[in-house]
Amino acid sequence: DDLDELAGFVAAEANHAKDKKLQK
């Protein structure tokens, strides 16, 4: 459950990242 929630947080940050390298 922790990993599932963490994956959601990471995906959200990736979607909002302005830096393409960070997004990748």
PDBML (XML) file of the C-alpha atoms, coordinates in Angstrom:
<?xml version="1.0" encoding="UTF-8" ?>
<PDBx:datablock datablockName="MODEL"
   xmlns:PDBx="http://pdbml.pdb.org/schema/pdbx-v50.xsd"
   xmlns:xsi="http://www.w3.org/2001/XMLSchema-instance"
   xsi:schemaLocation="http://pdbml.pdb.org/schema/pdbx-v50.xsd pdbx-v50.xsd">
   <PDBx:atom_siteCategory>
      <PDBx:atom_site id="1">
         <PDBx:B_iso_or_equiv>0.00</PDBx:B_iso_or_equiv>
         <PDBx:Cartn_x>0.000</PDBx:Cartn_x>
         <PDBx:Cartn_y>0.000</PDBx:Cartn_y>
         <PDBx:Cartn_z>0.000</PDBx:Cartn_z>
         <PDBx:auth_asym_id>A</PDBx:auth_asym_id>
         <PDBx:auth_atom_id>CA</PDBx:auth_atom_id>
         <PDBx:auth_comp_id>ASP</PDBx:auth_comp_id>
         <PDBx:auth_seq_id>1</PDBx:auth_seq_id>
         <PDBx:group_PDB>ATOM</PDBx:group_PDB>
         <PDBx:label_alt_id xsi:nil="true" />
         <PDBx:label_asym_id>A</PDBx:label_asym_id>
         <PDBx:label_atom_id>CA</PDBx:label_atom_id>
         <PDBx:label_comp_id>ASP</PDBx:label_comp_id>
         <PDBx:label_entity_id>1</PDBx:label_entity_id>
         <PDBx:label_seq_id>1</PDBx:label_seq_id>
         <PDBx:occupancy>1.00</PDBx:occupancy>
         <PDBx:pdbx_PDB_model_num>1</PDBx:pdbx_PDB_model_num>
         <PDBx:type_symbol>C</PDBx:type_symbol>
      </PDBx:atom_site>
      <PDBx:atom_site id="2">
         <PDBx:B_iso_or_equiv>0.00</PDBx:B_iso_or_equiv>
         <PDBx:Cartn_x>2.871</PDBx:Cartn_x>
         <PDBx:Cartn_y>2.381</PDBx:Cartn_y>
         <PDBx:Cartn_z>0.802</PDBx:Cartn_z>
         <PDBx:auth_asym_id>A</PDBx:auth_asym_id>
         <PDBx:auth_atom_id>CA</PDBx:auth_atom_id>
         <PDBx:auth_comp_id>ASP</PDBx:auth_comp_id>
         <PDBx:auth_seq_id>2</PDBx:auth_seq_id>
         <PDBx:group_PDB>ATOM</PDBx:group_PDB>
         <PDBx:label_alt_id xsi:nil="true" />
         <PDBx:label_asym_id>A</PDBx:label_asym_id>
         <PDBx:label_atom_id>CA</PDBx:label_atom_id>
         <PDBx:label_comp_id>ASP</PDBx:label_comp_id>
         <PDBx:label_entity_id>1</PDBx:label_entity_id>
         <PDBx:label_seq_id>2</PDBx:label_seq_id>
         <PDBx:occupancy>1.00</PDBx:occupancy>
         <PDBx:pdbx_PDB_model_num>1</PDBx:pdbx_PDB_model_num>
         <PDBx:type_symbol>C</PDBx:type_symbol>
      </PDBx:atom_site>
      <PDBx:atom_site id="3">
         <PDBx:B_iso_or_equiv>0.00</PDBx:B_iso_or_equiv>
         <PDBx:Cartn_x>4.503</PDBx:Cartn_x>
         <PDBx:Cartn_y>1.640</PDBx:Cartn_y>
         <PDBx:Cartn_z>-2.561</PDBx:Cartn_z>
         <PDBx:auth_asym_id>A</PDBx:auth_asym_id>
         <PDBx:auth_atom_id>CA</PDBx:auth_atom_id>
         <PDBx:auth_comp_id>LEU</PDBx:auth_comp_id>
         <PDBx:auth_seq_id>3</PDBx:auth_seq_id>
         <PDBx:group_PDB>ATOM</PDBx:group_PDB>
         <PDBx:label_alt_id xsi:nil="true" />
         <PDBx:label_asym_id>A</PDBx:label_asym_id>
         <PDBx:label_atom_id>CA</PDBx:label_atom_id>
         <PDBx:label_comp_id>LEU</PDBx:label_comp_id>
         <PDBx:label_entity_id>1</PDBx:label_entity_id>
         <PDBx:label_seq_id>3</PDBx:label_seq_id>
         <PDBx:occupancy>1.00</PDBx:occupancy>
         <PDBx:pdbx_PDB_model_num>1</PDBx:pdbx_PDB_model_num>
         <PDBx:type_symbol>C</PDBx:type_symbol>
      </PDBx:atom_site>
      <PDBx:atom_site id="4">
         <PDBx:B_iso_or_equiv>0.00</PDBx:B_iso_or_equiv>
         <PDBx:Cartn_x>1.221</PDBx:Cartn_x>
         <PDBx:Cartn_y>2.150</PDBx:Cartn_y>
         <PDBx:Cartn_z>-4.398</PDBx:Cartn_z>
         <PDBx:auth_asym_id>A</PDBx:auth_asym_id>
         <PDBx:auth_atom_id>CA</PDBx:auth_atom_id>
         <PDBx:auth_comp_id>ASP</PDBx:auth_comp_id>
         <PDBx:auth_seq_id>4</PDBx:auth_seq_id>
         <PDBx:group_PDB>ATOM</PDBx:group_PDB>
         <PDBx:label_alt_id xsi:nil="true" />
         <PDBx:label_asym_id>A</PDBx:label_asym_id>
         <PDBx:label_atom_id>CA</PDBx:label_atom_id>
         <PDBx:label_comp_id>ASP</PDBx:label_comp_id>
         <PDBx:label_entity_id>1</PDBx:label_entity_id>
         <PDBx:label_seq_id>4</PDBx:label_seq_id>
         <PDBx:occupancy>1.00</PDBx:occupancy>
         <PDBx:pdbx_PDB_model_num>1</PDBx:pdbx_PDB_model_num>
         <PDBx:type_symbol>C</PDBx:type_symbol>
      </PDBx:atom_site>
      <PDBx:atom_site id="5">
         <PDBx:B_iso_or_equiv>0.00</PDBx:B_iso_or_equiv>
         <PDBx:Cartn_x>0.751</PDBx:Cartn_x>
         <PDBx:Cartn_y>5.520</PDBx:Cartn_y>
         <PDBx:Cartn_z>-2.718</PDBx:Cartn_z>
         <PDBx:auth_asym_id>A</PDBx:auth_asym_id>
         <PDBx:auth_atom_id>CA</PDBx:auth_atom_id>
         <PDBx:auth_comp_id>GLU</PDBx:auth_comp_id>
         <PDBx:auth_seq_id>5</PDBx:auth_seq_id>
         <PDBx:group_PDB>ATOM</PDBx:group_PDB>
         <PDBx:label_alt_id xsi:nil="true" />
         <PDBx:label_asym_id>A</PDBx:label_asym_id>
         <PDBx:label_atom_id>CA</PDBx:label_atom_id>
         <PDBx:label_comp_id>GLU</PDBx:label_comp_id>
         <PDBx:label_entity_id>1</PDBx:label_entity_id>
         <PDBx:label_seq_id>5</PDBx:label_seq_id>
         <PDBx:occupancy>1.00</PDBx:occupancy>
         <PDBx:pdbx_PDB_model_num>1</PDBx:pdbx_PDB_model_num>
         <PDBx:type_symbol>C</PDBx:type_symbol>
      </PDBx:atom_site>
      <PDBx:atom_site id="6">
         <PDBx:B_iso_or_equiv>0.00</PDBx:B_iso_or_equiv>
         <PDBx:Cartn_x>4.378</PDBx:Cartn_x>
         <PDBx:Cartn_y>6.481</PDBx:Cartn_y>
         <PDBx:Cartn_z>-3.358</PDBx:Cartn_z>
         <PDBx:auth_asym_id>A</PDBx:auth_asym_id>
         <PDBx:auth_atom_id>CA</PDBx:auth_atom_id>
         <PDBx:auth_comp_id>LEU</PDBx:auth_comp_id>
         <PDBx:auth_seq_id>6</PDBx:auth_seq_id>
         <PDBx:group_PDB>ATOM</PDBx:group_PDB>
         <PDBx:label_alt_id xsi:nil="true" />
         <PDBx:label_asym_id>A</PDBx:label_asym_id>
         <PDBx:label_atom_id>CA</PDBx:label_atom_id>
         <PDBx:label_comp_id>LEU</PDBx:label_comp_id>
         <PDBx:label_entity_id>1</PDBx:label_entity_id>
         <PDBx:label_seq_id>6</PDBx:label_seq_id>
         <PDBx:occupancy>1.00</PDBx:occupancy>
         <PDBx:pdbx_PDB_model_num>1</PDBx:pdbx_PDB_model_num>
         <PDBx:type_symbol>C</PDBx:type_symbol>
      </PDBx:atom_site>
      <PDBx:atom_site id="7">
         <PDBx:B_iso_or_equiv>0.00</PDBx:B_iso_or_equiv>
         <PDBx:Cartn_x>3.980</PDBx:Cartn_x>
         <PDBx:Cartn_y>5.582</PDBx:Cartn_y>
         <PDBx:Cartn_z>-7.049</PDBx:Cartn_z>
         <PDBx:auth_asym_id>A</PDBx:auth_asym_id>
         <PDBx:auth_atom_id>CA</PDBx:auth_atom_id>
         <PDBx:auth_comp_id>ALA</PDBx:auth_comp_id>
         <PDBx:auth_seq_id>7</PDBx:auth_seq_id>
         <PDBx:group_PDB>ATOM</PDBx:group_PDB>
         <PDBx:label_alt_id xsi:nil="true" />
         <PDBx:label_asym_id>A</PDBx:label_asym_id>
         <PDBx:label_atom_id>CA</PDBx:label_atom_id>
         <PDBx:label_comp_id>ALA</PDBx:label_comp_id>
         <PDBx:label_entity_id>1</PDBx:label_entity_id>
         <PDBx:label_seq_id>7</PDBx:label_seq_id>
         <PDBx:occupancy>1.00</PDBx:occupancy>
         <PDBx:pdbx_PDB_model_num>1</PDBx:pdbx_PDB_model_num>
         <PDBx:type_symbol>C</PDBx:type_symbol>
      </PDBx:atom_site>
      <PDBx:atom_site id="8">
         <PDBx:B_iso_or_equiv>0.00</PDBx:B_iso_or_equiv>
         <PDBx:Cartn_x>1.033</PDBx:Cartn_x>
         <PDBx:Cartn_y>7.977</PDBx:Cartn_y>
         <PDBx:Cartn_z>-7.206</PDBx:Cartn_z>
         <PDBx:auth_asym_id>A</PDBx:auth_asym_id>
         <PDBx:auth_atom_id>CA</PDBx:auth_atom_id>
         <PDBx:auth_comp_id>GLY</PDBx:auth_comp_id>
         <PDBx:auth_seq_id>8</PDBx:auth_seq_id>
         <PDBx:group_PDB>ATOM</PDBx:group_PDB>
         <PDBx:label_alt_id xsi:nil="true" />
         <PDBx:label_asym_id>A</PDBx:label_asym_id>
         <PDBx:label_atom_id>CA</PDBx:label_atom_id>
         <PDBx:label_comp_id>GLY</PDBx:label_comp_id>
         <PDBx:label_entity_id>1</PDBx:label_entity_id>
         <PDBx:label_seq_id>8</PDBx:label_seq_id>
         <PDBx:occupancy>1.00</PDBx:occupancy>
         <PDBx:pdbx_PDB_model_num>1</PDBx:pdbx_PDB_model_num>
         <PDBx:type_symbol>C</PDBx:type_symbol>
      </PDBx:atom_site>
      <PDBx:atom_site id="9">
         <PDBx:B_iso_or_equiv>0.00</PDBx:B_iso_or_equiv>
         <PDBx:Cartn_x>3.061</PDBx:Cartn_x>
         <PDBx:Cartn_y>10.789</PDBx:Cartn_y>
         <PDBx:Cartn_z>-5.650</PDBx:Cartn_z>
         <PDBx:auth_asym_id>A</PDBx:auth_asym_id>
         <PDBx:auth_atom_id>CA</PDBx:auth_atom_id>
         <PDBx:auth_comp_id>PHE</PDBx:auth_comp_id>
         <PDBx:auth_seq_id>9</PDBx:auth_seq_id>
         <PDBx:group_PDB>ATOM</PDBx:group_PDB>
         <PDBx:label_alt_id xsi:nil="true" />
         <PDBx:label_asym_id>A</PDBx:label_asym_id>
         <PDBx:label_atom_id>CA</PDBx:label_atom_id>
         <PDBx:label_comp_id>PHE</PDBx:label_comp_id>
         <PDBx:label_entity_id>1</PDBx:label_entity_id>
         <PDBx:label_seq_id>9</PDBx:label_seq_id>
         <PDBx:occupancy>1.00</PDBx:occupancy>
         <PDBx:pdbx_PDB_model_num>1</PDBx:pdbx_PDB_model_num>
         <PDBx:type_symbol>C</PDBx:type_symbol>
      </PDBx:atom_site>
      <PDBx:atom_site id="10">
         <PDBx:B_iso_or_equiv>0.00</PDBx:B_iso_or_equiv>
         <PDBx:Cartn_x>5.995</PDBx:Cartn_x>
         <PDBx:Cartn_y>10.180</PDBx:Cartn_y>
         <PDBx:Cartn_z>-8.002</PDBx:Cartn_z>
         <PDBx:auth_asym_id>A</PDBx:auth_asym_id>
         <PDBx:auth_atom_id>CA</PDBx:auth_atom_id>
         <PDBx:auth_comp_id>VAL</PDBx:auth_comp_id>
         <PDBx:auth_seq_id>10</PDBx:auth_seq_id>
         <PDBx:group_PDB>ATOM</PDBx:group_PDB>
         <PDBx:label_alt_id xsi:nil="true" />
         <PDBx:label_asym_id>A</PDBx:label_asym_id>
         <PDBx:label_atom_id>CA</PDBx:label_atom_id>
         <PDBx:label_comp_id>VAL</PDBx:label_comp_id>
         <PDBx:label_entity_id>1</PDBx:label_entity_id>
         <PDBx:label_seq_id>10</PDBx:label_seq_id>
         <PDBx:occupancy>1.00</PDBx:occupancy>
         <PDBx:pdbx_PDB_model_num>1</PDBx:pdbx_PDB_model_num>
         <PDBx:type_symbol>C</PDBx:type_symbol>
      </PDBx:atom_site>
      <PDBx:atom_site id="11">
         <PDBx:B_iso_or_equiv>0.00</PDBx:B_iso_or_equiv>
         <PDBx:Cartn_x>3.712</PDBx:Cartn_x>
         <PDBx:Cartn_y>10.046</PDBx:Cartn_y>
         <PDBx:Cartn_z>-11.055</PDBx:Cartn_z>
         <PDBx:auth_asym_id>A</PDBx:auth_asym_id>
         <PDBx:auth_atom_id>CA</PDBx:auth_atom_id>
         <PDBx:auth_comp_id>ALA</PDBx:auth_comp_id>
         <PDBx:auth_seq_id>11</PDBx:auth_seq_id>
         <PDBx:group_PDB>ATOM</PDBx:group_PDB>
         <PDBx:label_alt_id xsi:nil="true" />
         <PDBx:label_asym_id>A</PDBx:label_asym_id>
         <PDBx:label_atom_id>CA</PDBx:label_atom_id>
         <PDBx:label_comp_id>ALA</PDBx:label_comp_id>
         <PDBx:label_entity_id>1</PDBx:label_entity_id>
         <PDBx:label_seq_id>11</PDBx:label_seq_id>
         <PDBx:occupancy>1.00</PDBx:occupancy>
         <PDBx:pdbx_PDB_model_num>1</PDBx:pdbx_PDB_model_num>
         <PDBx:type_symbol>C</PDBx:type_symbol>
      </PDBx:atom_site>
      <PDBx:atom_site id="12">
         <PDBx:B_iso_or_equiv>0.00</PDBx:B_iso_or_equiv>
         <PDBx:Cartn_x>2.060</PDBx:Cartn_x>
         <PDBx:Cartn_y>13.324</PDBx:Cartn_y>
         <PDBx:Cartn_z>-10.032</PDBx:Cartn_z>
         <PDBx:auth_asym_id>A</PDBx:auth_asym_id>
         <PDBx:auth_atom_id>CA</PDBx:auth_atom_id>
         <PDBx:auth_comp_id>ALA</PDBx:auth_comp_id>
         <PDBx:auth_seq_id>12</PDBx:auth_seq_id>
         <PDBx:group_PDB>ATOM</PDBx:group_PDB>
         <PDBx:label_alt_id xsi:nil="true" />
         <PDBx:label_asym_id>A</PDBx:label_asym_id>
         <PDBx:label_atom_id>CA</PDBx:label_atom_id>
         <PDBx:label_comp_id>ALA</PDBx:label_comp_id>
         <PDBx:label_entity_id>1</PDBx:label_entity_id>
         <PDBx:label_seq_id>12</PDBx:label_seq_id>
         <PDBx:occupancy>1.00</PDBx:occupancy>
         <PDBx:pdbx_PDB_model_num>1</PDBx:pdbx_PDB_model_num>
         <PDBx:type_symbol>C</PDBx:type_symbol>
      </PDBx:atom_site>
      <PDBx:atom_site id="13">
         <PDBx:B_iso_or_equiv>0.00</PDBx:B_iso_or_equiv>
         <PDBx:Cartn_x>5.436</PDBx:Cartn_x>
         <PDBx:Cartn_y>15.002</PDBx:Cartn_y>
         <PDBx:Cartn_z>-9.622</PDBx:Cartn_z>
         <PDBx:auth_asym_id>A</PDBx:auth_asym_id>
         <PDBx:auth_atom_id>CA</PDBx:auth_atom_id>
         <PDBx:auth_comp_id>GLU</PDBx:auth_comp_id>
         <PDBx:auth_seq_id>13</PDBx:auth_seq_id>
         <PDBx:group_PDB>ATOM</PDBx:group_PDB>
         <PDBx:label_alt_id xsi:nil="true" />
         <PDBx:label_asym_id>A</PDBx:label_asym_id>
         <PDBx:label_atom_id>CA</PDBx:label_atom_id>
         <PDBx:label_comp_id>GLU</PDBx:label_comp_id>
         <PDBx:label_entity_id>1</PDBx:label_entity_id>
         <PDBx:label_seq_id>13</PDBx:label_seq_id>
         <PDBx:occupancy>1.00</PDBx:occupancy>
         <PDBx:pdbx_PDB_model_num>1</PDBx:pdbx_PDB_model_num>
         <PDBx:type_symbol>C</PDBx:type_symbol>
      </PDBx:atom_site>
      <PDBx:atom_site id="14">
         <PDBx:B_iso_or_equiv>0.00</PDBx:B_iso_or_equiv>
         <PDBx:Cartn_x>6.557</PDBx:Cartn_x>
         <PDBx:Cartn_y>13.662</PDBx:Cartn_y>
         <PDBx:Cartn_z>-13.005</PDBx:Cartn_z>
         <PDBx:auth_asym_id>A</PDBx:auth_asym_id>
         <PDBx:auth_atom_id>CA</PDBx:auth_atom_id>
         <PDBx:auth_comp_id>ALA</PDBx:auth_comp_id>
         <PDBx:auth_seq_id>14</PDBx:auth_seq_id>
         <PDBx:group_PDB>ATOM</PDBx:group_PDB>
         <PDBx:label_alt_id xsi:nil="true" />
         <PDBx:label_asym_id>A</PDBx:label_asym_id>
         <PDBx:label_atom_id>CA</PDBx:label_atom_id>
         <PDBx:label_comp_id>ALA</PDBx:label_comp_id>
         <PDBx:label_entity_id>1</PDBx:label_entity_id>
         <PDBx:label_seq_id>14</PDBx:label_seq_id>
         <PDBx:occupancy>1.00</PDBx:occupancy>
         <PDBx:pdbx_PDB_model_num>1</PDBx:pdbx_PDB_model_num>
         <PDBx:type_symbol>C</PDBx:type_symbol>
      </PDBx:atom_site>
      <PDBx:atom_site id="15">
         <PDBx:B_iso_or_equiv>0.00</PDBx:B_iso_or_equiv>
         <PDBx:Cartn_x>3.422</PDBx:Cartn_x>
         <PDBx:Cartn_y>15.059</PDBx:Cartn_y>
         <PDBx:Cartn_z>-14.639</PDBx:Cartn_z>
         <PDBx:auth_asym_id>A</PDBx:auth_asym_id>
         <PDBx:auth_atom_id>CA</PDBx:auth_atom_id>
         <PDBx:auth_comp_id>ASN</PDBx:auth_comp_id>
         <PDBx:auth_seq_id>15</PDBx:auth_seq_id>
         <PDBx:group_PDB>ATOM</PDBx:group_PDB>
         <PDBx:label_alt_id xsi:nil="true" />
         <PDBx:label_asym_id>A</PDBx:label_asym_id>
         <PDBx:label_atom_id>CA</PDBx:label_atom_id>
         <PDBx:label_comp_id>ASN</PDBx:label_comp_id>
         <PDBx:label_entity_id>1</PDBx:label_entity_id>
         <PDBx:label_seq_id>15</PDBx:label_seq_id>
         <PDBx:occupancy>1.00</PDBx:occupancy>
         <PDBx:pdbx_PDB_model_num>1</PDBx:pdbx_PDB_model_num>
         <PDBx:type_symbol>C</PDBx:type_symbol>
      </PDBx:atom_site>
      <PDBx:atom_site id="16">
         <PDBx:B_iso_or_equiv>0.00</PDBx:B_iso_or_equiv>
         <PDBx:Cartn_x>4.093</PDBx:Cartn_x>
         <PDBx:Cartn_y>18.503</PDBx:Cartn_y>
         <PDBx:Cartn_z>-13.189</PDBx:Cartn_z>
         <PDBx:auth_asym_id>A</PDBx:auth_asym_id>
         <PDBx:auth_atom_id>CA</PDBx:auth_atom_id>
         <PDBx:auth_comp_id>HIS</PDBx:auth_comp_id>
         <PDBx:auth_seq_id>16</PDBx:auth_seq_id>
         <PDBx:group_PDB>ATOM</PDBx:group_PDB>
         <PDBx:label_alt_id xsi:nil="true" />
         <PDBx:label_asym_id>A</PDBx:label_asym_id>
         <PDBx:label_atom_id>CA</PDBx:label_atom_id>
         <PDBx:label_comp_id>HIS</PDBx:label_comp_id>
         <PDBx:label_entity_id>1</PDBx:label_entity_id>
         <PDBx:label_seq_id>16</PDBx:label_seq_id>
         <PDBx:occupancy>1.00</PDBx:occupancy>
         <PDBx:pdbx_PDB_model_num>1</PDBx:pdbx_PDB_model_num>
         <PDBx:type_symbol>C</PDBx:type_symbol>
      </PDBx:atom_site>
      <PDBx:atom_site id="17">
         <PDBx:B_iso_or_equiv>0.00</PDBx:B_iso_or_equiv>
         <PDBx:Cartn_x>7.862</PDBx:Cartn_x>
         <PDBx:Cartn_y>18.578</PDBx:Cartn_y>
         <PDBx:Cartn_z>-13.719</PDBx:Cartn_z>
         <PDBx:auth_asym_id>A</PDBx:auth_asym_id>
         <PDBx:auth_atom_id>CA</PDBx:auth_atom_id>
         <PDBx:auth_comp_id>ALA</PDBx:auth_comp_id>
         <PDBx:auth_seq_id>17</PDBx:auth_seq_id>
         <PDBx:group_PDB>ATOM</PDBx:group_PDB>
         <PDBx:label_alt_id xsi:nil="true" />
         <PDBx:label_asym_id>A</PDBx:label_asym_id>
         <PDBx:label_atom_id>CA</PDBx:label_atom_id>
         <PDBx:label_comp_id>ALA</PDBx:label_comp_id>
         <PDBx:label_entity_id>1</PDBx:label_entity_id>
         <PDBx:label_seq_id>17</PDBx:label_seq_id>
         <PDBx:occupancy>1.00</PDBx:occupancy>
         <PDBx:pdbx_PDB_model_num>1</PDBx:pdbx_PDB_model_num>
         <PDBx:type_symbol>C</PDBx:type_symbol>
      </PDBx:atom_site>
      <PDBx:atom_site id="18">
         <PDBx:B_iso_or_equiv>0.00</PDBx:B_iso_or_equiv>
         <PDBx:Cartn_x>8.973</PDBx:Cartn_x>
         <PDBx:Cartn_y>21.369</PDBx:Cartn_y>
         <PDBx:Cartn_z>-16.014</PDBx:Cartn_z>
         <PDBx:auth_asym_id>A</PDBx:auth_asym_id>
         <PDBx:auth_atom_id>CA</PDBx:auth_atom_id>
         <PDBx:auth_comp_id>LYS</PDBx:auth_comp_id>
         <PDBx:auth_seq_id>18</PDBx:auth_seq_id>
         <PDBx:group_PDB>ATOM</PDBx:group_PDB>
         <PDBx:label_alt_id xsi:nil="true" />
         <PDBx:label_asym_id>A</PDBx:label_asym_id>
         <PDBx:label_atom_id>CA</PDBx:label_atom_id>
         <PDBx:label_comp_id>LYS</PDBx:label_comp_id>
         <PDBx:label_entity_id>1</PDBx:label_entity_id>
         <PDBx:label_seq_id>18</PDBx:label_seq_id>
         <PDBx:occupancy>1.00</PDBx:occupancy>
         <PDBx:pdbx_PDB_model_num>1</PDBx:pdbx_PDB_model_num>
         <PDBx:type_symbol>C</PDBx:type_symbol>
      </PDBx:atom_site>
      <PDBx:atom_site id="19">
         <PDBx:B_iso_or_equiv>0.00</PDBx:B_iso_or_equiv>
         <PDBx:Cartn_x>12.459</PDBx:Cartn_x>
         <PDBx:Cartn_y>19.878</PDBx:Cartn_y>
         <PDBx:Cartn_z>-16.420</PDBx:Cartn_z>
         <PDBx:auth_asym_id>A</PDBx:auth_asym_id>
         <PDBx:auth_atom_id>CA</PDBx:auth_atom_id>
         <PDBx:auth_comp_id>ASP</PDBx:auth_comp_id>
         <PDBx:auth_seq_id>19</PDBx:auth_seq_id>
         <PDBx:group_PDB>ATOM</PDBx:group_PDB>
         <PDBx:label_alt_id xsi:nil="true" />
         <PDBx:label_asym_id>A</PDBx:label_asym_id>
         <PDBx:label_atom_id>CA</PDBx:label_atom_id>
         <PDBx:label_comp_id>ASP</PDBx:label_comp_id>
         <PDBx:label_entity_id>1</PDBx:label_entity_id>
         <PDBx:label_seq_id>19</PDBx:label_seq_id>
         <PDBx:occupancy>1.00</PDBx:occupancy>
         <PDBx:pdbx_PDB_model_num>1</PDBx:pdbx_PDB_model_num>
         <PDBx:type_symbol>C</PDBx:type_symbol>
      </PDBx:atom_site>
      <PDBx:atom_site id="20">
         <PDBx:B_iso_or_equiv>0.00</PDBx:B_iso_or_equiv>
         <PDBx:Cartn_x>12.354</PDBx:Cartn_x>
         <PDBx:Cartn_y>17.080</PDBx:Cartn_y>
         <PDBx:Cartn_z>-19.035</PDBx:Cartn_z>
         <PDBx:auth_asym_id>A</PDBx:auth_asym_id>
         <PDBx:auth_atom_id>CA</PDBx:auth_atom_id>
         <PDBx:auth_comp_id>LYS</PDBx:auth_comp_id>
         <PDBx:auth_seq_id>20</PDBx:auth_seq_id>
         <PDBx:group_PDB>ATOM</PDBx:group_PDB>
         <PDBx:label_alt_id xsi:nil="true" />
         <PDBx:label_asym_id>A</PDBx:label_asym_id>
         <PDBx:label_atom_id>CA</PDBx:label_atom_id>
         <PDBx:label_comp_id>LYS</PDBx:label_comp_id>
         <PDBx:label_entity_id>1</PDBx:label_entity_id>
         <PDBx:label_seq_id>20</PDBx:label_seq_id>
         <PDBx:occupancy>1.00</PDBx:occupancy>
         <PDBx:pdbx_PDB_model_num>1</PDBx:pdbx_PDB_model_num>
         <PDBx:type_symbol>C</PDBx:type_symbol>
      </PDBx:atom_site>
      <PDBx:atom_site id="21">
         <PDBx:B_iso_or_equiv>0.00</PDBx:B_iso_or_equiv>
         <PDBx:Cartn_x>15.337</PDBx:Cartn_x>
         <PDBx:Cartn_y>15.247</PDBx:Cartn_y>
         <PDBx:Cartn_z>-17.490</PDBx:Cartn_z>
         <PDBx:auth_asym_id>A</PDBx:auth_asym_id>
         <PDBx:auth_atom_id>CA</PDBx:auth_atom_id>
         <PDBx:auth_comp_id>LYS</PDBx:auth_comp_id>
         <PDBx:auth_seq_id>21</PDBx:auth_seq_id>
         <PDBx:group_PDB>ATOM</PDBx:group_PDB>
         <PDBx:label_alt_id xsi:nil="true" />
         <PDBx:label_asym_id>A</PDBx:label_asym_id>
         <PDBx:label_atom_id>CA</PDBx:label_atom_id>
         <PDBx:label_comp_id>LYS</PDBx:label_comp_id>
         <PDBx:label_entity_id>1</PDBx:label_entity_id>
         <PDBx:label_seq_id>21</PDBx:label_seq_id>
         <PDBx:occupancy>1.00</PDBx:occupancy>
         <PDBx:pdbx_PDB_model_num>1</PDBx:pdbx_PDB_model_num>
         <PDBx:type_symbol>C</PDBx:type_symbol>
      </PDBx:atom_site>
      <PDBx:atom_site id="22">
         <PDBx:B_iso_or_equiv>0.00</PDBx:B_iso_or_equiv>
         <PDBx:Cartn_x>13.671</PDBx:Cartn_x>
         <PDBx:Cartn_y>15.236</PDBx:Cartn_y>
         <PDBx:Cartn_z>-14.064</PDBx:Cartn_z>
         <PDBx:auth_asym_id>A</PDBx:auth_asym_id>
         <PDBx:auth_atom_id>CA</PDBx:auth_atom_id>
         <PDBx:auth_comp_id>LEU</PDBx:auth_comp_id>
         <PDBx:auth_seq_id>22</PDBx:auth_seq_id>
         <PDBx:group_PDB>ATOM</PDBx:group_PDB>
         <PDBx:label_alt_id xsi:nil="true" />
         <PDBx:label_asym_id>A</PDBx:label_asym_id>
         <PDBx:label_atom_id>CA</PDBx:label_atom_id>
         <PDBx:label_comp_id>LEU</PDBx:label_comp_id>
         <PDBx:label_entity_id>1</PDBx:label_entity_id>
         <PDBx:label_seq_id>22</PDBx:label_seq_id>
         <PDBx:occupancy>1.00</PDBx:occupancy>
         <PDBx:pdbx_PDB_model_num>1</PDBx:pdbx_PDB_model_num>
         <PDBx:type_symbol>C</PDBx:type_symbol>
      </PDBx:atom_site>
      <PDBx:atom_site id="23">
         <PDBx:B_iso_or_equiv>0.00</PDBx:B_iso_or_equiv>
         <PDBx:Cartn_x>10.391</PDBx:Cartn_x>
         <PDBx:Cartn_y>14.126</PDBx:Cartn_y>
         <PDBx:Cartn_z>-15.630</PDBx:Cartn_z>
         <PDBx:auth_asym_id>A</PDBx:auth_asym_id>
         <PDBx:auth_atom_id>CA</PDBx:auth_atom_id>
         <PDBx:auth_comp_id>GLN</PDBx:auth_comp_id>
         <PDBx:auth_seq_id>23</PDBx:auth_seq_id>
         <PDBx:group_PDB>ATOM</PDBx:group_PDB>
         <PDBx:label_alt_id xsi:nil="true" />
         <PDBx:label_asym_id>A</PDBx:label_asym_id>
         <PDBx:label_atom_id>CA</PDBx:label_atom_id>
         <PDBx:label_comp_id>GLN</PDBx:label_comp_id>
         <PDBx:label_entity_id>1</PDBx:label_entity_id>
         <PDBx:label_seq_id>23</PDBx:label_seq_id>
         <PDBx:occupancy>1.00</PDBx:occupancy>
         <PDBx:pdbx_PDB_model_num>1</PDBx:pdbx_PDB_model_num>
         <PDBx:type_symbol>C</PDBx:type_symbol>
      </PDBx:atom_site>
      <PDBx:atom_site id="24">
         <PDBx:B_iso_or_equiv>0.00</PDBx:B_iso_or_equiv>
         <PDBx:Cartn_x>12.149</PDBx:Cartn_x>
         <PDBx:Cartn_y>11.197</PDBx:Cartn_y>
         <PDBx:Cartn_z>-17.320</PDBx:Cartn_z>
         <PDBx:auth_asym_id>A</PDBx:auth_asym_id>
         <PDBx:auth_atom_id>CA</PDBx:auth_atom_id>
         <PDBx:auth_comp_id>LYS</PDBx:auth_comp_id>
         <PDBx:auth_seq_id>24</PDBx:auth_seq_id>
         <PDBx:group_PDB>ATOM</PDBx:group_PDB>
         <PDBx:label_alt_id xsi:nil="true" />
         <PDBx:label_asym_id>A</PDBx:label_asym_id>
         <PDBx:label_atom_id>CA</PDBx:label_atom_id>
         <PDBx:label_comp_id>LYS</PDBx:label_comp_id>
         <PDBx:label_entity_id>1</PDBx:label_entity_id>
         <PDBx:label_seq_id>24</PDBx:label_seq_id>
         <PDBx:occupancy>1.00</PDBx:occupancy>
         <PDBx:pdbx_PDB_model_num>1</PDBx:pdbx_PDB_model_num>
         <PDBx:type_symbol>C</PDBx:type_symbol>
      </PDBx:atom_site>
   </PDBx:atom_siteCategory>
</PDBx:datablock>
